[in-house]
Every structure is written in C-alpha cells, then in structure tokens.
Amino acid sequence: MKGRPNSRKQKQTDISATLSVRIQPRSSKNGVTRMEDGTLKIRLTAPPVDGAANEALVKFLSEALSVSKSQVEIVTGHTSREKRVKISGMSEADVIRLLNTAGQ
C-alpha cells in the first residue's frame, strides 16, 4: 500500500500537555495549588537533593493524573524549582481539571 496516506485516527497517546510548575520541596505534605500567574505550585515532602524532588514530582503527578510514570516527563528545569513538565496521553484541560480536584 505504498503511497496511500495513513487513514487511521491519531492514538490517544499523541495528545500531550505541557505545564509550568513551581516546586516547593521539603513541604509538610504533598499537594498542588494554582498561583496568580497561572503556574501550578506543587508541594513535595522530598528534599531537593540527588534528584529526589524530581522523582517525587513524577510520582505525585502520575498518581494524581492516573497515568504511568513514563507518561510524565520533566522537559526543563531539572535543577531548578521552576520546571516544564510534559504529560503524554492527556489534554491540558484534563490535566488541569484533575489537578484542581487533587489539590482540594
């Protein structure tokens, strides 16, 4: 079938959302709130050493969004509190909706 366009629908995993987040490590509990500028503030109990806070962020988001850890990727900010995180398989609206309910 050379030369024929692929008529299959896009897979659900082709959808992705990219979020700007600010991490607050060594918090008393894990949680999420929205800051005034629209950035999500995620509180994590993990310390910011040896990538522990990054691992905790991936675990927190995967559990809050009911996705696998492999669908959560830190795109930028590996050594910063300000990060860009990509969630594969979900639209940005779905991610925001689920995080808003997780934060309450």
N, C-alpha and C. Protein backbone atom coordinates (compact mmCIF):
# COMPACT_ATOMS: atom_id res chain seq x y z
N MET A 1 0.82 -1.18 0.00
CA MET A 1 0.00 0.00 0.00
C MET A 1 0.86 1.25 0.00
N LYS A 2 1.82 1.25 -0.84
CA LYS A 2 2.72 2.38 -0.93
C LYS A 2 2.01 3.59 -1.50
N GLY A 3 2.33 4.76 -0.94
CA GLY A 3 1.80 5.98 -1.49
C GLY A 3 0.43 6.36 -0.95
N ARG A 4 -0.21 5.48 -0.19
CA ARG A 4 -1.53 5.81 0.35
C ARG A 4 -1.36 6.48 1.71
N PRO A 5 -2.09 7.51 1.95
CA PRO A 5 -2.00 8.17 3.26
C PRO A 5 -2.57 7.27 4.35
N ASN A 6 -2.03 7.38 5.51
CA ASN A 6 -2.49 6.61 6.65
C ASN A 6 -3.82 7.18 7.11
N SER A 7 -4.88 6.38 7.03
CA SER A 7 -6.22 6.87 7.35
C SER A 7 -6.62 6.54 8.79
N ARG A 8 -5.72 5.97 9.56
CA ARG A 8 -6.04 5.65 10.94
C ARG A 8 -6.14 6.93 11.77
N LYS A 9 -6.98 6.87 12.78
CA LYS A 9 -7.09 8.00 13.69
C LYS A 9 -5.84 8.10 14.54
N GLN A 10 -5.57 9.32 15.03
CA GLN A 10 -4.43 9.50 15.92
C GLN A 10 -4.68 8.74 17.20
N LYS A 11 -3.63 8.17 17.74
CA LYS A 11 -3.74 7.47 19.00
C LYS A 11 -3.94 8.49 20.12
N GLN A 12 -4.54 8.03 21.20
CA GLN A 12 -4.74 8.88 22.38
C GLN A 12 -3.41 9.38 22.92
N THR A 13 -2.35 8.58 22.79
CA THR A 13 -1.05 8.97 23.34
C THR A 13 -0.37 10.08 22.55
N ASP A 14 -0.90 10.43 21.36
CA ASP A 14 -0.33 11.53 20.60
C ASP A 14 -0.68 12.88 21.21
N ILE A 15 -1.66 12.88 22.11
CA ILE A 15 -2.06 14.10 22.80
C ILE A 15 -1.09 14.31 23.96
N SER A 16 -0.74 15.56 24.20
CA SER A 16 0.11 15.83 25.37
C SER A 16 -0.18 17.24 25.89
N ALA A 17 0.17 17.43 27.15
CA ALA A 17 0.03 18.73 27.80
C ALA A 17 1.37 19.12 28.40
N THR A 18 1.72 20.38 28.29
CA THR A 18 2.95 20.88 28.89
C THR A 18 2.56 21.93 29.92
N LEU A 19 3.05 21.73 31.14
CA LEU A 19 2.70 22.60 32.25
C LEU A 19 3.91 23.31 32.80
N SER A 20 3.71 24.53 33.27
CA SER A 20 4.73 25.24 34.03
C SER A 20 4.43 25.02 35.49
N VAL A 21 5.40 24.51 36.23
CA VAL A 21 5.19 24.24 37.65
C VAL A 21 6.32 24.85 38.47
N ARG A 22 6.00 25.16 39.71
CA ARG A 22 7.00 25.62 40.68
C ARG A 22 6.96 24.63 41.83
N ILE A 23 8.11 24.09 42.16
CA ILE A 23 8.21 23.06 43.18
C ILE A 23 8.59 23.68 44.52
N GLN A 24 7.94 23.21 45.57
CA GLN A 24 8.31 23.58 46.93
C GLN A 24 8.71 22.29 47.65
N PRO A 25 10.02 21.97 47.63
CA PRO A 25 10.46 20.74 48.30
C PRO A 25 10.46 20.88 49.82
N ARG A 26 10.57 19.76 50.48
CA ARG A 26 10.58 19.67 51.96
C ARG A 26 9.34 20.29 52.58
N SER A 27 8.21 20.13 51.92
CA SER A 27 6.95 20.61 52.46
C SER A 27 6.43 19.60 53.49
N SER A 28 5.48 19.99 54.30
CA SER A 28 4.94 19.08 55.31
C SER A 28 4.07 17.99 54.68
N LYS A 29 3.49 18.29 53.50
CA LYS A 29 2.69 17.28 52.79
C LYS A 29 2.70 17.58 51.30
N ASN A 30 2.40 16.57 50.50
CA ASN A 30 2.31 16.75 49.05
C ASN A 30 0.97 17.41 48.71
N GLY A 31 1.00 18.32 47.73
CA GLY A 31 -0.23 18.98 47.30
C GLY A 31 0.02 19.91 46.14
N VAL A 32 -1.06 20.47 45.60
CA VAL A 32 -0.95 21.37 44.46
C VAL A 32 -1.89 22.55 44.64
N THR A 33 -1.43 23.74 44.26
CA THR A 33 -2.25 24.95 44.24
C THR A 33 -1.89 25.74 42.99
N ARG A 34 -2.78 26.64 42.60
CA ARG A 34 -2.53 27.49 41.44
C ARG A 34 -2.10 28.87 41.93
N MET A 35 -1.00 29.35 41.36
CA MET A 35 -0.51 30.69 41.70
C MET A 35 -1.24 31.73 40.85
N GLU A 36 -1.10 33.00 41.20
CA GLU A 36 -1.80 34.07 40.50
C GLU A 36 -1.45 34.16 39.03
N ASP A 37 -0.20 33.84 38.67
CA ASP A 37 0.23 33.94 37.27
C ASP A 37 -0.16 32.70 36.45
N GLY A 38 -0.90 31.76 37.03
CA GLY A 38 -1.34 30.57 36.31
C GLY A 38 -0.42 29.37 36.47
N THR A 39 0.74 29.58 37.05
CA THR A 39 1.67 28.49 37.29
C THR A 39 1.14 27.61 38.41
N LEU A 40 1.36 26.32 38.29
CA LEU A 40 0.98 25.40 39.36
C LEU A 40 2.09 25.32 40.38
N LYS A 41 1.75 25.41 41.65
CA LYS A 41 2.72 25.25 42.72
C LYS A 41 2.49 23.87 43.33
N ILE A 42 3.51 23.04 43.26
CA ILE A 42 3.40 21.68 43.77
C ILE A 42 4.30 21.53 44.98
N ARG A 43 3.67 21.20 46.11
CA ARG A 43 4.41 20.97 47.35
C ARG A 43 4.78 19.50 47.44
N LEU A 44 6.05 19.24 47.74
CA LEU A 44 6.55 17.87 47.84
C LEU A 44 7.29 17.69 49.16
N THR A 45 7.14 16.54 49.77
CA THR A 45 7.84 16.26 51.02
C THR A 45 9.30 15.91 50.79
N ALA A 46 9.66 15.54 49.58
CA ALA A 46 11.03 15.12 49.26
C ALA A 46 12.00 16.29 49.30
N PRO A 47 13.25 16.04 49.72
CA PRO A 47 14.26 17.10 49.72
C PRO A 47 14.81 17.33 48.30
N PRO A 48 15.36 18.51 48.03
CA PRO A 48 15.87 18.81 46.70
C PRO A 48 17.32 18.34 46.50
N VAL A 49 17.60 17.11 46.84
CA VAL A 49 18.96 16.58 46.69
C VAL A 49 18.93 15.28 45.88
N ASP A 50 19.96 15.10 45.05
CA ASP A 50 20.14 13.88 44.26
C ASP A 50 18.92 13.50 43.44
N GLY A 51 18.16 14.47 42.98
CA GLY A 51 17.02 14.19 42.13
C GLY A 51 15.80 13.63 42.85
N ALA A 52 15.82 13.64 44.19
CA ALA A 52 14.69 13.10 44.95
C ALA A 52 13.40 13.88 44.71
N ALA A 53 13.50 15.20 44.63
CA ALA A 53 12.30 16.01 44.39
C ALA A 53 11.76 15.78 42.98
N ASN A 54 12.64 15.59 42.00
CA ASN A 54 12.18 15.31 40.64
C ASN A 54 11.45 13.97 40.59
N GLU A 55 12.00 12.96 41.25
CA GLU A 55 11.34 11.65 41.29
C GLU A 55 10.00 11.75 42.00
N ALA A 56 9.95 12.52 43.09
CA ALA A 56 8.70 12.70 43.83
C ALA A 56 7.67 13.44 42.98
N LEU A 57 8.12 14.41 42.18
CA LEU A 57 7.23 15.15 41.29
C LEU A 57 6.60 14.21 40.27
N VAL A 58 7.42 13.39 39.63
CA VAL A 58 6.91 12.45 38.62
C VAL A 58 5.91 11.49 39.28
N LYS A 59 6.25 10.97 40.45
CA LYS A 59 5.36 10.04 41.15
C LYS A 59 4.06 10.73 41.54
N PHE A 60 4.15 11.95 42.10
CA PHE A 60 2.96 12.69 42.51
C PHE A 60 2.03 12.93 41.33
N LEU A 61 2.58 13.43 40.22
CA LEU A 61 1.75 13.72 39.05
C LEU A 61 1.16 12.46 38.44
N SER A 62 1.94 11.38 38.38
CA SER A 62 1.41 10.14 37.80
C SER A 62 0.26 9.59 38.64
N GLU A 63 0.37 9.69 39.96
CA GLU A 63 -0.72 9.22 40.82
C GLU A 63 -1.93 10.15 40.76
N ALA A 64 -1.71 11.46 40.76
CA ALA A 64 -2.81 12.42 40.73
C ALA A 64 -3.57 12.36 39.41
N LEU A 65 -2.87 12.04 38.32
CA LEU A 65 -3.49 12.02 37.00
C LEU A 65 -3.85 10.61 36.54
N SER A 66 -3.53 9.61 37.33
CA SER A 66 -3.80 8.21 37.00
C SER A 66 -3.16 7.81 35.66
N VAL A 67 -1.90 8.17 35.51
CA VAL A 67 -1.13 7.77 34.33
C VAL A 67 0.15 7.09 34.82
N SER A 68 0.84 6.42 33.91
CA SER A 68 2.09 5.77 34.29
C SER A 68 3.20 6.82 34.43
N LYS A 69 4.23 6.48 35.18
CA LYS A 69 5.35 7.40 35.37
C LYS A 69 6.04 7.72 34.04
N SER A 70 6.01 6.79 33.09
CA SER A 70 6.66 7.03 31.81
C SER A 70 5.93 8.09 30.98
N GLN A 71 4.70 8.43 31.34
CA GLN A 71 3.95 9.46 30.62
C GLN A 71 4.23 10.85 31.18
N VAL A 72 4.96 10.93 32.27
CA VAL A 72 5.30 12.21 32.90
C VAL A 72 6.79 12.46 32.67
N GLU A 73 7.09 13.58 32.01
CA GLU A 73 8.49 13.88 31.67
C GLU A 73 8.82 15.32 32.05
N ILE A 74 9.90 15.51 32.79
CA ILE A 74 10.37 16.85 33.10
C ILE A 74 11.18 17.31 31.89
N VAL A 75 10.68 18.34 31.21
CA VAL A 75 11.31 18.81 29.97
C VAL A 75 12.45 19.77 30.27
N THR A 76 12.20 20.74 31.14
CA THR A 76 13.24 21.70 31.51
C THR A 76 13.19 21.93 33.02
N GLY A 77 14.30 22.39 33.58
CA GLY A 77 14.35 22.75 34.97
C GLY A 77 14.72 21.63 35.91
N HIS A 78 15.53 20.69 35.45
CA HIS A 78 15.89 19.54 36.28
C HIS A 78 16.57 19.94 37.58
N THR A 79 17.28 21.06 37.59
CA THR A 79 17.97 21.50 38.81
C THR A 79 17.38 22.80 39.36
N SER A 80 16.19 23.15 38.93
CA SER A 80 15.55 24.40 39.34
C SER A 80 14.19 24.10 39.98
N ARG A 81 13.68 25.06 40.71
CA ARG A 81 12.32 24.91 41.25
C ARG A 81 11.27 25.17 40.17
N GLU A 82 11.64 25.95 39.17
CA GLU A 82 10.75 26.23 38.04
C GLU A 82 10.96 25.15 37.00
N LYS A 83 9.89 24.44 36.63
CA LYS A 83 10.02 23.32 35.70
C LYS A 83 8.93 23.36 34.64
N ARG A 84 9.21 22.74 33.51
CA ARG A 84 8.20 22.49 32.47
C ARG A 84 8.05 20.98 32.42
N VAL A 85 6.81 20.51 32.57
CA VAL A 85 6.53 19.09 32.63
C VAL A 85 5.57 18.72 31.52
N LYS A 86 5.89 17.66 30.80
CA LYS A 86 5.05 17.17 29.71
C LYS A 86 4.32 15.92 30.18
N ILE A 87 3.00 15.91 29.97
CA ILE A 87 2.16 14.77 30.31
C ILE A 87 1.64 14.21 28.99
N SER A 88 2.04 13.00 28.64
CA SER A 88 1.60 12.36 27.40
C SER A 88 0.28 11.64 27.63
N GLY A 89 -0.58 11.69 26.61
CA GLY A 89 -1.84 10.95 26.65
C GLY A 89 -3.00 11.70 27.27
N MET A 90 -2.80 12.97 27.62
CA MET A 90 -3.87 13.77 28.21
C MET A 90 -3.83 15.18 27.65
N SER A 91 -5.00 15.78 27.52
CA SER A 91 -5.06 17.18 27.09
C SER A 91 -4.77 18.07 28.29
N GLU A 92 -4.39 19.31 28.01
CA GLU A 92 -4.09 20.24 29.09
C GLU A 92 -5.32 20.50 29.95
N ALA A 93 -6.50 20.58 29.33
CA ALA A 93 -7.72 20.81 30.09
C ALA A 93 -7.99 19.67 31.07
N ASP A 94 -7.77 18.43 30.64
CA ASP A 94 -7.97 17.28 31.53
C ASP A 94 -6.97 17.29 32.68
N VAL A 95 -5.73 17.64 32.39
CA VAL A 95 -4.69 17.69 33.42
C VAL A 95 -5.05 18.73 34.47
N ILE A 96 -5.43 19.92 34.04
CA ILE A 96 -5.78 21.00 34.97
C ILE A 96 -6.99 20.60 35.81
N ARG A 97 -7.99 20.01 35.18
CA ARG A 97 -9.19 19.58 35.91
C ARG A 97 -8.85 18.57 36.99
N LEU A 98 -8.04 17.57 36.66
CA LEU A 98 -7.67 16.54 37.63
C LEU A 98 -6.79 17.10 38.74
N LEU A 99 -5.87 18.00 38.40
CA LEU A 99 -5.01 18.59 39.43
C LEU A 99 -5.80 19.53 40.35
N ASN A 100 -6.81 20.19 39.82
CA ASN A 100 -7.64 21.04 40.67
C ASN A 100 -8.40 20.20 41.69
N THR A 101 -8.87 19.04 41.30
CA THR A 101 -9.57 18.17 42.25
C THR A 101 -8.58 17.50 43.21
N ALA A 102 -7.36 17.24 42.76
CA ALA A 102 -6.34 16.64 43.63
C ALA A 102 -5.87 17.61 44.68
N GLY A 103 -5.90 18.90 44.38
CA GLY A 103 -5.42 19.91 45.29
C GLY A 103 -6.39 20.25 46.40
N GLN A 104 -7.62 19.78 46.30
CA GLN A 104 -8.63 20.12 47.30
C GLN A 104 -8.68 19.12 48.41
